[in-house]
């Protein structure tokens, strides 16, 4: 019977480890999902800022690379 008890203990330990691994995987999944949402938002912000800079450059008067007056 001690062999059956040892096997039962091993199975219980594996079940506990599996439960903790499942919880860890779920937490990691939530973290990755939140990070992707933040990356998407930042990517949209960068695209909007790039568009605004290009628009400002195209509406600027005079050449953008004028040398300073002391040259």
PDB file of N, CA and C in Angstrom:
ATOM      1  N   UNK A   1       0.804  -1.198   0.000  1.00  0.00           N
ATOM      2  CA  UNK A   1       0.000   0.000   0.000  1.00  0.00           C
ATOM      3  C   UNK A   1       0.844   1.258   0.000  1.00  0.00           C
ATOM      4  N   UNK A   2       2.072   1.183   0.457  1.00  0.00           N
ATOM      5  CA  UNK A   2       2.898   2.387   0.493  1.00  0.00           C
ATOM      6  C   UNK A   2       3.225   2.862  -0.922  1.00  0.00           C
ATOM      7  N   UNK A   3       3.283   1.913  -1.859  1.00  0.00           N
ATOM      8  CA  UNK A   3       3.547   2.284  -3.246  1.00  0.00           C
ATOM      9  C   UNK A   3       2.363   3.062  -3.816  1.00  0.00           C
ATOM     10  N   UNK A   4       1.159   2.672  -3.471  1.00  0.00           N
ATOM     11  CA  UNK A   4      -0.037   3.387  -3.916  1.00  0.00           C
ATOM     12  C   UNK A   4      -0.095   4.777  -3.290  1.00  0.00           C
ATOM     13  N   UNK A   5       0.317   4.889  -2.034  1.00  0.00           N
ATOM     14  CA  UNK A   5       0.336   6.178  -1.340  1.00  0.00           C
ATOM     15  C   UNK A   5       1.355   7.110  -1.986  1.00  0.00           C
ATOM     16  N   UNK A   6       2.529   6.582  -2.329  1.00  0.00           N
ATOM     17  CA  UNK A   6       3.566   7.393  -2.972  1.00  0.00           C
ATOM     18  C   UNK A   6       3.099   7.876  -4.340  1.00  0.00           C
ATOM     19  N   UNK A   7       2.424   7.004  -5.077  1.00  0.00           N
ATOM     20  CA  UNK A   7       1.896   7.381  -6.381  1.00  0.00           C
ATOM     21  C   UNK A   7       0.820   8.442  -6.241  1.00  0.00           C
ATOM     22  N   UNK A   8      -0.043   8.281  -5.261  1.00  0.00           N
ATOM     23  CA  UNK A   8      -1.094   9.263  -5.007  1.00  0.00           C
ATOM     24  C   UNK A   8      -0.494  10.623  -4.625  1.00  0.00           C
ATOM     25  N   UNK A   9       0.562  10.609  -3.805  1.00  0.00           N
ATOM     26  CA  UNK A   9       1.235  11.859  -3.421  1.00  0.00           C
ATOM     27  C   UNK A   9       1.861  12.547  -4.636  1.00  0.00           C
ATOM     28  N   UNK A  10       2.459  11.752  -5.507  1.00  0.00           N
ATOM     29  CA  UNK A  10       3.058  12.325  -6.720  1.00  0.00           C
ATOM     30  C   UNK A  10       2.003  12.942  -7.617  1.00  0.00           C
ATOM     31  N   UNK A  11       0.870  12.268  -7.742  1.00  0.00           N
ATOM     32  CA  UNK A  11      -0.219  12.802  -8.571  1.00  0.00           C
ATOM     33  C   UNK A  11      -0.748  14.095  -7.968  1.00  0.00           C
ATOM     34  N   UNK A  12      -0.918  14.126  -6.645  1.00  0.00           N
ATOM     35  CA  UNK A  12      -1.374  15.345  -5.976  1.00  0.00           C
ATOM     36  C   UNK A  12      -0.396  16.505  -6.205  1.00  0.00           C
ATOM     37  N   UNK A  13       0.904  16.216  -6.111  1.00  0.00           N
ATOM     38  CA  UNK A  13       1.911  17.258  -6.327  1.00  0.00           C
ATOM     39  C   UNK A  13       1.858  17.773  -7.762  1.00  0.00           C
ATOM     40  N   UNK A  14       1.665  16.874  -8.713  1.00  0.00           N
ATOM     41  CA  UNK A  14       1.553  17.281 -10.112  1.00  0.00           C
ATOM     42  C   UNK A  14       0.310  18.138 -10.354  1.00  0.00           C
ATOM     43  N   UNK A  15      -0.791  17.770  -9.713  1.00  0.00           N
ATOM     44  CA  UNK A  15      -2.017  18.548  -9.855  1.00  0.00           C
ATOM     45  C   UNK A  15      -1.852  19.956  -9.293  1.00  0.00           C
ATOM     46  N   UNK A  16      -1.158  20.080  -8.165  1.00  0.00           N
ATOM     47  CA  UNK A  16      -0.913  21.395  -7.565  1.00  0.00           C
ATOM     48  C   UNK A  16      -0.040  22.231  -8.494  1.00  0.00           C
ATOM     49  N   UNK A  17       1.024  21.608  -9.028  1.00  0.00           N
ATOM     50  CA  UNK A  17       1.901  22.334  -9.952  1.00  0.00           C
ATOM     51  C   UNK A  17       1.143  22.776 -11.195  1.00  0.00           C
ATOM     52  N   UNK A  18       0.285  21.919 -11.706  1.00  0.00           N
ATOM     53  CA  UNK A  18      -0.498  22.248 -12.888  1.00  0.00           C
ATOM     54  C   UNK A  18      -1.419  23.429 -12.620  1.00  0.00           C
ATOM     55  N   UNK A  19      -2.033  23.447 -11.439  1.00  0.00           N
ATOM     56  CA  UNK A  19      -2.915  24.552 -11.080  1.00  0.00           C
ATOM     57  C   UNK A  19      -2.150  25.867 -11.036  1.00  0.00           C
ATOM     58  N   UNK A  20      -0.980  25.878 -10.408  1.00  0.00           N
ATOM     59  CA  UNK A  20      -0.172  27.096 -10.351  1.00  0.00           C
ATOM     60  C   UNK A  20       0.304  27.511 -11.742  1.00  0.00           C
ATOM     61  N   UNK A  21       0.644  26.547 -12.573  1.00  0.00           N
ATOM     62  CA  UNK A  21       1.066  26.870 -13.936  1.00  0.00           C
ATOM     63  C   UNK A  21      -0.078  27.471 -14.740  1.00  0.00           C
ATOM     64  N   UNK A  22      -1.272  26.940 -14.573  1.00  0.00           N
ATOM     65  CA  UNK A  22      -2.431  27.497 -15.261  1.00  0.00           C
ATOM     66  C   UNK A  22      -2.684  28.940 -14.836  1.00  0.00           C
ATOM     67  N   UNK A  23      -2.569  29.218 -13.543  1.00  0.00           N
ATOM     68  CA  UNK A  23      -2.754  30.581 -13.049  1.00  0.00           C
ATOM     69  C   UNK A  23      -1.685  31.509 -13.602  1.00  0.00           C
ATOM     70  N   UNK A  24      -0.456  31.039 -13.644  1.00  0.00           N
ATOM     71  CA  UNK A  24       0.639  31.850 -14.172  1.00  0.00           C
ATOM     72  C   UNK A  24       0.436  32.139 -15.651  1.00  0.00           C
ATOM     73  N   UNK A  25       0.030  31.151 -16.406  1.00  0.00           N
ATOM     74  CA  UNK A  25      -0.214  31.337 -17.834  1.00  0.00           C
ATOM     75  C   UNK A  25      -1.329  32.351 -18.048  1.00  0.00           C
ATOM     76  N   UNK A  26      -2.366  32.286 -17.269  1.00  0.00           N
ATOM     77  CA  UNK A  26      -3.481  33.235 -17.399  1.00  0.00           C
ATOM     78  C   UNK A  26      -3.013  34.650 -17.074  1.00  0.00           C
ATOM     79  N   UNK A  27      -2.209  34.818 -16.033  1.00  0.00           N
ATOM     80  CA  UNK A  27      -1.694  36.150 -15.683  1.00  0.00           C
ATOM     81  C   UNK A  27      -0.788  36.687 -16.789  1.00  0.00           C
ATOM     82  N   UNK A  28       0.059  35.828 -17.337  1.00  0.00           N
ATOM     83  CA  UNK A  28       0.923  36.246 -18.435  1.00  0.00           C
ATOM     84  C   UNK A  28       0.111  36.640 -19.664  1.00  0.00           C
ATOM     85  N   UNK A  29      -0.930  35.895 -19.943  1.00  0.00           N
ATOM     86  CA  UNK A  29      -1.794  36.204 -21.076  1.00  0.00           C
ATOM     87  C   UNK A  29      -2.448  37.580 -20.897  1.00  0.00           C
ATOM     88  N   UNK A  30      -2.938  37.866 -19.697  1.00  0.00           N
ATOM     89  CA  UNK A  30      -3.538  39.169 -19.435  1.00  0.00           C
ATOM     90  C   UNK A  30      -2.515  40.294 -19.580  1.00  0.00           C
ATOM     91  N   UNK A  31      -1.304  40.052 -19.110  1.00  0.00           N
ATOM     92  CA  UNK A  31      -0.246  41.054 -19.211  1.00  0.00           C
ATOM     93  C   UNK A  31       0.103  41.327 -20.672  1.00  0.00           C
ATOM     94  N   UNK A  32       0.244  40.268 -21.449  1.00  0.00           N
ATOM     95  CA  UNK A  32       0.579  40.426 -22.865  1.00  0.00           C
ATOM     96  C   UNK A  32      -0.539  41.148 -23.608  1.00  0.00           C
ATOM     97  N   UNK A  33      -1.773  40.815 -23.303  1.00  0.00           N
ATOM     98  CA  UNK A  33      -2.904  41.484 -23.949  1.00  0.00           C
ATOM     99  C   UNK A  33      -2.897  42.975 -23.632  1.00  0.00           C
ATOM    100  N   UNK A  34      -2.661  43.330 -22.382  1.00  0.00           N
ATOM    101  CA  UNK A  34      -2.608  44.750 -21.997  1.00  0.00           C
ATOM    102  C   UNK A  34      -1.451  45.452 -22.701  1.00  0.00           C
ATOM    103  N   UNK A  35      -0.312  44.790 -22.805  1.00  0.00           N
ATOM    104  CA  UNK A  35       0.833  45.399 -23.481  1.00  0.00           C
ATOM    105  C   UNK A  35       0.553  45.618 -24.964  1.00  0.00           C
ATOM    106  N   UNK A  36      -0.092  44.671 -25.617  1.00  0.00           N
ATOM    107  CA  UNK A  36      -0.420  44.846 -27.032  1.00  0.00           C
ATOM    108  C   UNK A  36      -1.398  45.989 -27.229  1.00  0.00           C
ATOM    109  N   UNK A  37      -2.350  46.150 -26.323  1.00  0.00           N
ATOM    110  CA  UNK A  37      -3.279  47.271 -26.429  1.00  0.00           C
ATOM    111  C   UNK A  37      -2.532  48.594 -26.291  1.00  0.00           C
ATOM    112  N   UNK A  38      -1.583  48.645 -25.370  1.00  0.00           N
ATOM    113  CA  UNK A  38      -0.795  49.861 -25.185  1.00  0.00           C
ATOM    114  C   UNK A  38       0.094  50.113 -26.407  1.00  0.00           C
ATOM    115  N   UNK A  39       0.692  49.071 -26.954  1.00  0.00           N
ATOM    116  CA  UNK A  39       1.522  49.223 -28.154  1.00  0.00           C
ATOM    117  C   UNK A  39       0.681  49.742 -29.315  1.00  0.00           C
ATOM    118  N   UNK A  40      -0.523  49.213 -29.484  1.00  0.00           N
ATOM    119  CA  UNK A  40      -1.398  49.683 -30.557  1.00  0.00           C
ATOM    120  C   UNK A  40      -1.748  51.157 -30.377  1.00  0.00           C
ATOM    121  N   UNK A  41      -2.054  51.563 -29.154  1.00  0.00           N
ATOM    122  CA  UNK A  41      -2.383  52.963 -28.894  1.00  0.00           C
ATOM    123  C   UNK A  41      -1.181  53.862 -29.178  1.00  0.00           C
ATOM    124  N   UNK A  42      -0.004  53.441 -28.744  1.00  0.00           N
ATOM    125  CA  UNK A  42       1.198  54.240 -28.991  1.00  0.00           C
ATOM    126  C   UNK A  42       1.528  54.308 -30.477  1.00  0.00           C
ATOM    127  N   UNK A  43       1.313  53.234 -31.201  1.00  0.00           N
ATOM    128  CA  UNK A  43       1.554  53.230 -32.644  1.00  0.00           C
ATOM    129  C   UNK A  43       0.630  54.216 -33.344  1.00  0.00           C
ATOM    130  N   UNK A  44      -0.626  54.245 -32.923  1.00  0.00           N
ATOM    131  CA  UNK A  44      -1.570  55.214 -33.507  1.00  0.00           C
ATOM    132  C   UNK A  44      -1.151  56.648 -33.175  1.00  0.00           C
ATOM    133  N   UNK A  45      -0.688  56.881 -31.950  1.00  0.00           N
ATOM    134  CA  UNK A  45      -0.241  58.222 -31.572  1.00  0.00           C
ATOM    135  C   UNK A  45       0.970  58.651 -32.401  1.00  0.00           C
ATOM    136  N   UNK A  46       1.904  57.750 -32.601  1.00  0.00           N
ATOM    137  CA  UNK A  46       3.092  58.073 -33.396  1.00  0.00           C
ATOM    138  C   UNK A  46       2.691  58.403 -34.829  1.00  0.00           C
ATOM    139  N   UNK A  47       1.780  57.633 -35.391  1.00  0.00           N
ATOM    140  CA  UNK A  47       1.328  57.894 -36.758  1.00  0.00           C
ATOM    141  C   UNK A  47       0.653  59.262 -36.850  1.00  0.00           C
ATOM    142  N   UNK A  48      -0.159  59.606 -35.859  1.00  0.00           N
ATOM    143  CA  UNK A  48      -0.826  60.907 -35.867  1.00  0.00           C
ATOM    144  C   UNK A  48       0.188  62.038 -35.729  1.00  0.00           C
ATOM    145  N   UNK A  49       1.180  61.861 -34.861  1.00  0.00           N
ATOM    146  CA  UNK A  49       2.207  62.891 -34.692  1.00  0.00           C
ATOM    147  C   UNK A  49       3.049  63.041 -35.958  1.00  0.00           C
ATOM    148  N   UNK A  50       3.367  61.935 -36.598  1.00  0.00           N
ATOM    149  CA  UNK A  50       4.130  61.981 -37.845  1.00  0.00           C
ATOM    150  C   UNK A  50       3.353  62.751 -38.905  1.00  0.00           C
ATOM    151  N   UNK A  51       2.068  62.496 -38.973  1.00  0.00           N
ATOM    152  CA  UNK A  51       1.215  63.191 -39.930  1.00  0.00           C
ATOM    153  C   UNK A  51       1.188  64.693 -39.638  1.00  0.00           C
ATOM    154  N   UNK A  52       1.086  65.051 -38.357  1.00  0.00           N
ATOM    155  CA  UNK A  52       1.066  66.468 -37.977  1.00  0.00           C
ATOM    156  C   UNK A  52       2.384  67.154 -38.312  1.00  0.00           C
ATOM    157  N   UNK A  53       3.504  66.473 -38.089  1.00  0.00           N
ATOM    158  CA  UNK A  53       4.809  67.056 -38.406  1.00  0.00           C
ATOM    159  C   UNK A  53       4.945  67.254 -39.913  1.00  0.00           C
ATOM    160  N   UNK A  54       4.545  66.271 -40.687  1.00  0.00           N
ATOM    161  CA  UNK A  54       4.616  66.406 -42.145  1.00  0.00           C
ATOM    162  C   UNK A  54       3.730  67.544 -42.629  1.00  0.00           C
ATOM    163  N   UNK A  55       2.567  67.678 -42.045  1.00  0.00           N
ATOM    164  CA  UNK A  55       1.654  68.756 -42.415  1.00  0.00           C
ATOM    165  C   UNK A  55       2.258  70.112 -42.050  1.00  0.00           C
ATOM    166  N   UNK A  56       2.859  70.208 -40.877  1.00  0.00           N
ATOM    167  CA  UNK A  56       3.483  71.456 -40.455  1.00  0.00           C
ATOM    168  C   UNK A  56       4.665  71.807 -41.358  1.00  0.00           C
ATOM    169  N   UNK A  57       5.449  70.811 -41.746  1.00  0.00           N
ATOM    170  CA  UNK A  57       6.580  71.059 -42.636  1.00  0.00           C
ATOM    171  C   UNK A  57       6.117  71.526 -44.005  1.00  0.00           C
ATOM    172  N   UNK A  58       5.039  70.966 -44.499  1.00  0.00           N
ATOM    173  CA  UNK A  58       4.552  71.353 -45.828  1.00  0.00           C
ATOM    174  C   UNK A  58       3.919  72.742 -45.806  1.00  0.00           C
ATOM    175  N   UNK A  59       3.432  73.189 -44.663  1.00  0.00           N
ATOM    176  CA  UNK A  59       2.819  74.508 -44.558  1.00  0.00           C
ATOM    177  C   UNK A  59       3.811  75.579 -44.111  1.00  0.00           C
ATOM    178  N   UNK A  60       5.033  75.210 -43.831  1.00  0.00           N
ATOM    179  CA  UNK A  60       6.035  76.170 -43.362  1.00  0.00           C
ATOM    180  C   UNK A  60       6.435  77.088 -44.515  1.00  0.00           C
ATOM    181  N   UNK A  61       6.715  78.361 -44.177  1.00  0.00           N
ATOM    182  CA  UNK A  61       7.149  79.310 -45.201  1.00  0.00           C
ATOM    183  C   UNK A  61       8.657  79.348 -45.249  1.00  0.00           C
ATOM    184  N   UNK A  62       9.191  79.494 -46.447  1.00  0.00           N
ATOM    185  CA  UNK A  62      10.629  79.585 -46.616  1.00  0.00           C
ATOM    186  C   UNK A  62      11.286  78.226 -46.577  1.00  0.00           C
ATOM    187  N   UNK A  63      12.513  78.170 -47.047  1.00  0.00           N
ATOM    188  CA  UNK A  63      13.228  76.894 -47.017  1.00  0.00           C
ATOM    189  C   UNK A  63      13.529  76.478 -45.579  1.00  0.00           C
ATOM    190  N   UNK A  64      13.413  75.197 -45.286  1.00  0.00           N
ATOM    191  CA  UNK A  64      13.600  74.747 -43.905  1.00  0.00           C
ATOM    192  C   UNK A  64      15.060  74.771 -43.443  1.00  0.00           C
ATOM    193  N   UNK A  65      16.006  74.837 -44.376  1.00  0.00           N
ATOM    194  CA  UNK A  65      17.420  74.765 -43.996  1.00  0.00           C
ATOM    195  C   UNK A  65      18.152  76.084 -44.258  1.00  0.00           C
ATOM    196  N   UNK A  66      17.534  77.212 -43.939  1.00  0.00           N
ATOM    197  CA  UNK A  66      18.204  78.504 -44.096  1.00  0.00           C
ATOM    198  C   UNK A  66      19.401  78.581 -43.160  1.00  0.00           C
ATOM    199  N   UNK A  67      20.532  79.058 -43.647  1.00  0.00           N
ATOM    200  CA  UNK A  67      21.663  79.231 -42.733  1.00  0.00           C
ATOM    201  C   UNK A  67      21.391  80.403 -41.800  1.00  0.00           C
ATOM    202  N   UNK A  68      21.981  80.401 -40.643  1.00  0.00           N
ATOM    203  CA  UNK A  68      21.779  81.507 -39.726  1.00  0.00           C
ATOM    204  C   UNK A  68      22.301  82.824 -40.327  1.00  0.00           C
ATOM    205  N   UNK A  69      21.804  83.979 -39.854  1.00  0.00           N
ATOM    206  CA  UNK A  69      22.173  85.261 -40.469  1.00  0.00           C
ATOM    207  C   UNK A  69      23.656  85.615 -40.326  1.00  0.00           C
ATOM    208  N   UNK A  70      24.365  85.070 -39.395  1.00  0.00           N
ATOM    209  CA  UNK A  70      25.761  85.454 -39.207  1.00  0.00           C
ATOM    210  C   UNK A  70      26.700  84.780 -40.204  1.00  0.00           C
ATOM    211  N   UNK A  71      26.197  83.940 -41.114  1.00  0.00           N
ATOM    212  CA  UNK A  71      27.064  83.304 -42.118  1.00  0.00           C
ATOM    213  C   UNK A  71      27.171  84.161 -43.333  1.00  0.00           C
TER     214      UNK A  71
END
